[in-house]
Protein backbone atom coordinates (compact mmCIF):
# COMPACT_ATOMS: atom_id res chain seq x y z
CA UNK A 1 71.35 125.66 125.28
CA UNK A 2 71.77 123.92 121.92
CA UNK A 3 74.23 125.33 119.42
CA UNK A 4 74.71 123.71 116.03
CA UNK A 5 78.24 124.83 115.30
CA UNK A 6 81.15 126.61 116.92
CA UNK A 7 84.62 127.48 115.67
CA UNK A 8 86.16 125.32 112.96
CA UNK A 9 89.73 125.60 114.21
CA UNK A 10 91.36 125.84 117.59
CA UNK A 11 94.86 126.45 118.85
CA UNK A 12 96.80 124.36 121.30
CA UNK A 13 100.47 124.73 122.28
CA UNK A 14 100.94 127.21 119.45
CA UNK A 15 99.62 124.84 116.77
CA UNK A 16 96.42 125.20 114.78
CA UNK A 17 94.22 122.12 114.38
CA UNK A 18 91.30 121.78 111.99
CA UNK A 19 88.42 119.99 113.65
CA UNK A 20 85.76 117.89 111.96
CA UNK A 21 83.14 120.36 110.68
CA UNK A 22 80.21 117.92 111.21
CA UNK A 23 78.27 120.09 108.75
CA UNK A 24 76.24 117.28 107.20
CA UNK A 25 75.42 115.77 110.59
CA UNK A 26 74.39 119.17 111.93
CA UNK A 27 72.16 119.82 108.92
CA UNK A 28 70.44 116.43 109.22
CA UNK A 29 69.80 117.12 112.90
CA UNK A 30 68.46 120.64 112.31
CA UNK A 31 66.18 119.38 109.55
CA UNK A 32 64.76 116.65 111.79
CA UNK A 33 66.00 113.74 109.68
CA UNK A 34 67.75 112.12 112.64
CA UNK A 35 67.43 112.11 116.39
CA UNK A 36 70.61 113.39 118.02
CA UNK A 37 71.35 113.52 121.72
CA UNK A 38 74.87 114.61 122.59
CA UNK A 39 77.00 116.69 124.91
CA UNK A 40 79.51 118.71 122.92
CA UNK A 41 82.11 121.43 122.77
CA UNK A 42 84.21 122.87 119.93
CA UNK A 43 82.25 122.56 116.68
CA UNK A 44 80.31 119.37 117.48
CA UNK A 45 76.50 119.55 117.56
CA UNK A 46 74.60 118.98 120.77
CA UNK A 47 74.05 120.41 124.23
CA UNK A 48 76.94 122.72 125.08
CA UNK A 49 79.36 121.43 127.70
CA UNK A 50 80.41 124.15 130.13
CA UNK A 51 84.14 124.88 130.06
CA UNK A 52 84.78 123.26 133.45
CA UNK A 53 82.49 120.26 132.90
CA UNK A 54 84.14 116.88 132.21
CA UNK A 55 87.31 118.38 130.66
CA UNK A 56 88.68 116.29 127.81
CA UNK A 57 85.33 115.15 126.42
CA UNK A 58 84.80 116.89 123.09
CA UNK A 59 81.54 115.09 122.38
CA UNK A 60 79.61 112.11 123.69
CA UNK A 61 76.21 110.89 122.57
CA UNK A 62 74.41 109.17 119.70
CA UNK A 63 72.41 109.68 116.55
CA UNK A 64 69.44 107.58 115.53
CA UNK A 65 68.54 107.40 111.82
CA UNK A 66 65.29 105.50 111.24
CA UNK A 67 64.94 106.31 107.53
CA UNK A 68 67.30 106.23 104.56
CA UNK A 69 69.72 109.16 104.69
CA UNK A 70 71.38 111.08 101.88
CA UNK A 71 74.41 112.34 103.74
CA UNK A 72 77.62 111.11 105.30
CA UNK A 73 80.61 112.47 107.22
CA UNK A 74 83.41 113.20 104.77
CA UNK A 75 87.12 112.51 105.36
CA UNK A 76 88.22 114.04 108.65
CA UNK A 77 90.34 113.67 111.75
CA UNK A 78 89.20 114.15 115.33
CA UNK A 79 90.96 116.13 118.04
CA UNK A 80 90.94 113.15 120.36
CA UNK A 81 90.53 109.38 120.46
CA UNK A 82 87.12 108.42 119.07
CA UNK A 83 85.21 105.31 120.16
CA UNK A 84 82.04 104.50 118.21
CA UNK A 85 79.51 101.73 118.80
CA UNK A 86 76.78 100.69 116.37
CA UNK A 87 73.75 99.50 118.33
CA UNK A 88 71.47 98.77 115.35
CA UNK A 89 71.64 98.91 111.55
CA UNK A 90 74.67 98.94 109.28
CA UNK A 91 77.19 101.69 108.69
CA UNK A 92 79.94 102.19 106.08
CA UNK A 93 83.20 103.10 107.82
CA UNK A 94 86.28 104.06 105.78
CA UNK A 95 89.93 104.44 106.62
CA UNK A 96 92.68 105.30 104.13
CA UNK A 97 93.55 101.61 103.85
CA UNK A 98 90.06 100.30 103.09
CA UNK A 99 86.29 100.28 103.39
CA UNK A 100 84.48 98.41 106.15
CA UNK A 101 80.84 97.78 107.01
CA UNK A 102 79.93 98.11 110.66
CA UNK A 103 77.32 95.61 111.81
CA UNK A 104 75.22 95.69 115.00
CA UNK A 105 77.41 95.69 118.14
CA UNK A 106 80.57 96.56 116.20
CA UNK A 107 83.03 98.98 117.76
CA UNK A 108 85.64 101.26 116.18
CA UNK A 109 88.53 103.16 117.72
CA UNK A 110 90.24 105.93 115.74
CA UNK A 111 93.14 108.11 116.80
CA UNK A 112 93.74 111.81 115.99
CA UNK A 113 96.15 110.97 113.15
CA UNK A 114 93.78 108.53 111.43
CA UNK A 115 91.78 110.14 108.64
CA UNK A 116 88.41 108.43 108.28
CA UNK A 117 84.84 108.90 107.11
CA UNK A 118 81.38 107.54 107.93
CA UNK A 119 79.15 106.89 104.93
CA UNK A 120 80.05 105.79 101.42
CA UNK A 121 78.81 108.31 100.51
CA UNK A 122 75.63 107.95 102.60
CA UNK A 123 75.18 106.59 106.12
CA UNK A 124 72.93 103.63 106.79
CA UNK A 125 69.82 103.37 108.90
CA UNK A 126 70.93 102.75 112.47
CA UNK A 127 71.80 104.03 115.93
CA UNK A 128 75.43 105.08 116.37
CA UNK A 129 76.95 105.97 119.75
CA UNK A 130 80.26 107.80 120.17
CA UNK A 131 82.78 109.26 122.55
CA UNK A 132 85.61 111.61 121.53
CA UNK A 133 88.07 112.06 124.37
CA UNK A 134 91.12 114.31 124.12
CA UNK A 135 94.24 112.63 125.50
CA UNK A 136 96.50 115.54 124.45
CA UNK A 137 98.18 113.88 121.48
CA UNK A 138 98.06 114.54 117.76
CA UNK A 139 100.85 112.24 116.59
CA UNK A 140 101.58 108.50 117.15
CA UNK A 141 104.84 108.99 119.08
CA UNK A 142 103.44 111.36 121.71
CA UNK A 143 102.68 110.27 125.28
CA UNK A 144 98.99 110.13 126.18
CA UNK A 145 97.69 112.35 129.00
CA UNK A 146 94.34 111.16 130.26
CA UNK A 147 91.97 113.59 132.03
CA UNK A 148 92.36 113.60 135.80
CA UNK A 149 88.83 112.23 136.32
CA UNK A 150 89.79 108.95 134.62
CA UNK A 151 90.30 106.84 137.75
CA UNK A 152 91.49 103.48 136.44
CA UNK A 153 94.37 102.08 138.47
CA UNK A 154 97.74 103.12 137.12
CA UNK A 155 98.59 99.66 135.81
CA UNK A 156 95.20 99.28 134.11
CA UNK A 157 95.43 102.68 132.47
CA UNK A 158 98.96 101.96 131.26
CA UNK A 159 97.81 98.64 129.78
CA UNK A 160 94.76 100.19 128.11
CA UNK A 161 96.92 102.94 126.62
CA UNK A 162 99.30 100.34 125.22
CA UNK A 163 96.46 98.40 123.59
CA UNK A 164 95.01 101.57 122.07
CA UNK A 165 98.37 102.82 120.79
CA UNK A 166 99.85 99.59 119.49
CA UNK A 167 96.81 98.02 117.84
CA UNK A 168 94.79 99.74 115.11
CA UNK A 169 92.40 96.97 114.11
CA UNK A 170 89.56 98.82 112.34
CA UNK A 171 86.54 96.92 113.67
CA UNK A 172 86.15 95.28 117.08
CA UNK A 173 83.20 93.18 118.26
CA UNK A 174 81.75 94.63 121.45
CA UNK A 175 80.10 92.55 124.18
CA UNK A 176 76.80 92.97 125.99
CA UNK A 177 78.41 94.91 128.85
CA UNK A 178 79.81 97.53 126.47
CA UNK A 179 76.42 97.76 124.76
CA UNK A 180 74.67 98.37 128.08
CA UNK A 181 77.22 101.00 129.03
CA UNK A 182 76.64 102.98 125.83
CA UNK A 183 72.89 102.64 126.31
CA UNK A 184 73.14 104.02 129.86
CA UNK A 185 75.12 107.01 128.59
CA UNK A 186 72.60 107.59 125.81
CA UNK A 187 69.62 107.40 128.16
CA UNK A 188 71.27 109.81 130.58
CA UNK A 189 71.95 112.40 127.87
CA UNK A 190 68.48 111.97 126.36
CA UNK A 191 66.87 112.80 129.72
CA UNK A 192 68.75 116.10 129.96
CA UNK A 193 66.58 117.32 132.84
CA UNK A 194 68.36 114.87 135.15
CA UNK A 195 71.79 115.13 133.55
CA UNK A 196 74.47 114.41 136.14
CA UNK A 197 78.17 114.99 135.49
CA UNK A 198 79.12 112.35 138.05
CA UNK A 199 77.18 109.64 136.20
CA UNK A 200 78.91 110.57 132.92
CA UNK A 201 82.27 110.25 134.68
CA UNK A 202 81.28 106.88 136.17
CA UNK A 203 80.01 105.50 132.85
CA UNK A 204 83.04 106.64 130.83
CA UNK A 205 85.38 105.03 133.36
CA UNK A 206 83.27 101.88 133.19
CA UNK A 207 83.44 101.96 129.40
CA UNK A 208 87.23 102.25 129.41
CA UNK A 209 87.53 99.38 131.89
CA UNK A 210 85.25 97.22 129.73
CA UNK A 211 87.34 98.11 126.68
CA UNK A 212 90.46 96.99 128.52
CA UNK A 213 88.80 93.67 129.40
CA UNK A 214 87.81 93.26 125.75
CA UNK A 215 91.42 93.71 124.67
CA UNK A 216 92.75 91.39 127.37
CA UNK A 217 90.40 88.55 126.46
CA UNK A 218 90.81 88.92 122.70
CA UNK A 219 93.66 87.93 120.42
CA UNK A 220 94.99 91.36 119.51
CA UNK A 221 98.52 91.65 118.15
CA UNK A 222 100.50 94.63 119.43
CA UNK A 223 102.97 96.46 117.20
CA UNK A 224 105.26 99.00 118.86
CA UNK A 225 106.33 100.47 115.49
CA UNK A 226 102.89 102.12 115.37
CA UNK A 227 104.06 104.50 118.10
CA UNK A 228 107.55 105.49 116.96
CA UNK A 229 108.69 108.83 115.56
CA UNK A 230 109.44 107.39 112.12
CA UNK A 231 105.75 106.62 111.67
CA UNK A 232 104.85 110.16 112.69
CA UNK A 233 107.11 111.57 109.98
CA UNK A 234 105.84 109.02 107.44
CA UNK A 235 102.26 110.14 108.11
CA UNK A 236 103.35 113.75 107.68
CA UNK A 237 104.86 112.93 104.29
CA UNK A 238 101.42 111.93 103.04
CA UNK A 239 99.97 115.13 104.43
CA UNK A 240 102.73 117.21 102.86
CA UNK A 241 102.01 115.77 99.42
CA UNK A 242 98.43 117.07 99.76
CA UNK A 243 99.27 120.42 101.39
CA UNK A 244 102.54 121.39 99.70
CA UNK A 245 101.25 124.88 98.87
CA UNK A 246 101.09 125.84 102.56
CA UNK A 247 103.83 128.28 103.71
CA UNK A 248 105.89 125.53 105.32
CA UNK A 249 109.25 126.19 106.94
CA UNK A 250 111.53 123.66 108.59
CA UNK A 251 110.45 125.04 111.96
CA UNK A 252 106.71 124.84 111.19
CA UNK A 253 107.00 121.28 109.83
CA UNK A 254 108.87 119.97 112.87
CA UNK A 255 106.49 121.82 115.22
CA UNK A 256 103.47 120.41 113.36
CA UNK A 257 104.55 116.83 114.04
CA UNK A 258 105.72 117.50 117.60
CA UNK A 259 109.40 116.77 117.05
CA UNK A 260 112.55 118.84 117.41
CA UNK A 261 114.16 120.05 114.19
CA UNK A 262 117.17 117.72 114.48
CA UNK A 263 115.09 114.57 115.08
CA UNK A 264 112.54 115.56 112.47
CA UNK A 265 115.21 116.14 109.82
CA UNK A 266 116.95 112.87 110.74
CA UNK A 267 113.83 110.73 110.31
CA UNK A 268 112.79 112.67 107.22
CA UNK A 269 116.11 111.92 105.52
CA UNK A 270 115.81 108.28 106.59
CA UNK A 271 112.53 108.02 104.67
CA UNK A 272 113.24 110.23 101.64
CA UNK A 273 117.05 110.56 101.39
CA UNK A 274 116.44 114.33 101.21
CA UNK A 275 116.11 117.20 103.64
CA UNK A 276 112.56 118.41 104.31
CA UNK A 277 113.02 121.59 102.25
CA UNK A 278 114.61 119.69 99.36
CA UNK A 279 111.66 117.30 99.33
CA UNK A 280 109.13 120.12 99.58
CA UNK A 281 110.72 122.04 96.71
CA UNK A 282 110.73 118.87 94.61
CA UNK A 283 107.01 118.16 94.96
CA UNK A 284 106.19 121.83 94.41
CA UNK A 285 108.22 121.86 91.20
CA UNK A 286 106.60 118.66 89.95
CA UNK A 287 103.17 120.16 90.61
CA UNK A 288 104.15 123.37 88.78
CA UNK A 289 105.52 121.37 85.84
CA UNK A 290 102.18 119.59 85.39
CA UNK A 291 100.13 122.77 85.73
CA UNK A 292 102.20 124.63 83.14
CA UNK A 293 101.10 122.07 80.54
CA UNK A 294 97.61 121.21 81.78
CA UNK A 295 96.50 124.82 82.28
CA UNK A 296 98.06 126.88 79.46
CA UNK A 297 95.82 129.91 80.13
CA UNK A 298 96.86 130.29 83.77
CA UNK A 299 99.70 132.77 84.28
CA UNK A 300 103.10 131.53 85.36
CA UNK A 301 103.11 133.84 88.38
CA UNK A 302 99.77 132.39 89.51
CA UNK A 303 101.11 128.84 89.19
CA UNK A 304 104.21 129.88 91.13
CA UNK A 305 102.20 131.14 94.10
CA UNK A 306 99.58 128.38 93.91
CA UNK A 307 102.33 125.79 94.28
CA UNK A 308 103.72 127.43 97.41
CA UNK A 309 106.63 129.49 96.09
CA UNK A 310 106.90 132.94 97.64
CA UNK A 311 109.08 134.48 94.92
CA UNK A 312 108.74 134.27 91.13
CA UNK A 313 112.48 134.83 90.71
CA UNK A 314 113.30 131.93 93.03
CA UNK A 315 110.70 129.76 91.31
CA UNK A 316 112.21 130.47 87.88
CA UNK A 317 115.73 129.74 89.15
CA UNK A 318 114.97 126.39 90.81
CA UNK A 319 112.67 125.35 87.94
CA UNK A 320 115.43 125.97 85.38
CA UNK A 321 117.91 124.06 87.53
CA UNK A 322 115.63 121.01 87.69
CA UNK A 323 114.17 120.99 84.15
CA UNK A 324 116.89 122.71 82.14
CA UNK A 325 114.94 125.82 81.14
CA UNK A 326 112.77 128.52 82.75
CA UNK A 327 109.01 127.96 83.12
CA UNK A 328 108.05 130.07 80.09
CA UNK A 329 110.35 128.12 77.79
CA UNK A 330 109.18 124.80 79.25
CA UNK A 331 105.56 125.71 78.54
């Protein structure tokens, strides 16, 4: 059975995560503009994976675009570690720190906390393979939990995890063995009549082992600060500046990043010299200040709620304390 979309959010350990919608990819597939062969769960397009089949794989497969395309995948995060391999063509690949062009036999690895997009704004002609594997983390400091069917020796798996956590080089150059492995996976999924779960398990384990060998033979610099709790909180600060209107509490913020309240507050103050709620109120007030002037026809109560304040009386009080007069007088 092929389903083009499933739920857009899912809950895990009491937290809500927003998955990549894949809307543009799904539309291109439905309209016949690309060939797509994939196994998928959650909201990813492709052949539905049964709940007990290869747990941890959210999607695995490829798309093949043989003509110019007028779509791309917008900024998103994935609920798992994503490995992509470009077999042919060129592909714009963007992270927050820059724009890159994938060339044939280039490889990317992105983690759940790395916001990224494919296409600038359109994808290129080419064949792109991918694997998104959930290792039960959403933040850099959390310990990875690989699915039980990953059978690399303990030392190898520990070393691979270290390479993947402590190096975030955007583009890697794959070798012929990795290329053949992705091709075998693609061929297996394409011939769905003979689809065999065991072969998928074998090929994914082979792929991970080949990735480890690639890291071991290359000159990749490891940086353990990429995995500490301070970085987790620093990443959250960027998110908070975009989503300040959400009904955040100290408890929900610390839970969102996977840290206890005491540790979260400690690292937050290290980075900002303010408590989380002081910082949140500050950016909400600055946003309200700008909107009062830029949008003179919007009511003050509307601005209050749009900026995340739950009470107009509280908003007026803290605004006057910061700017020396209530919002109406400031406007």
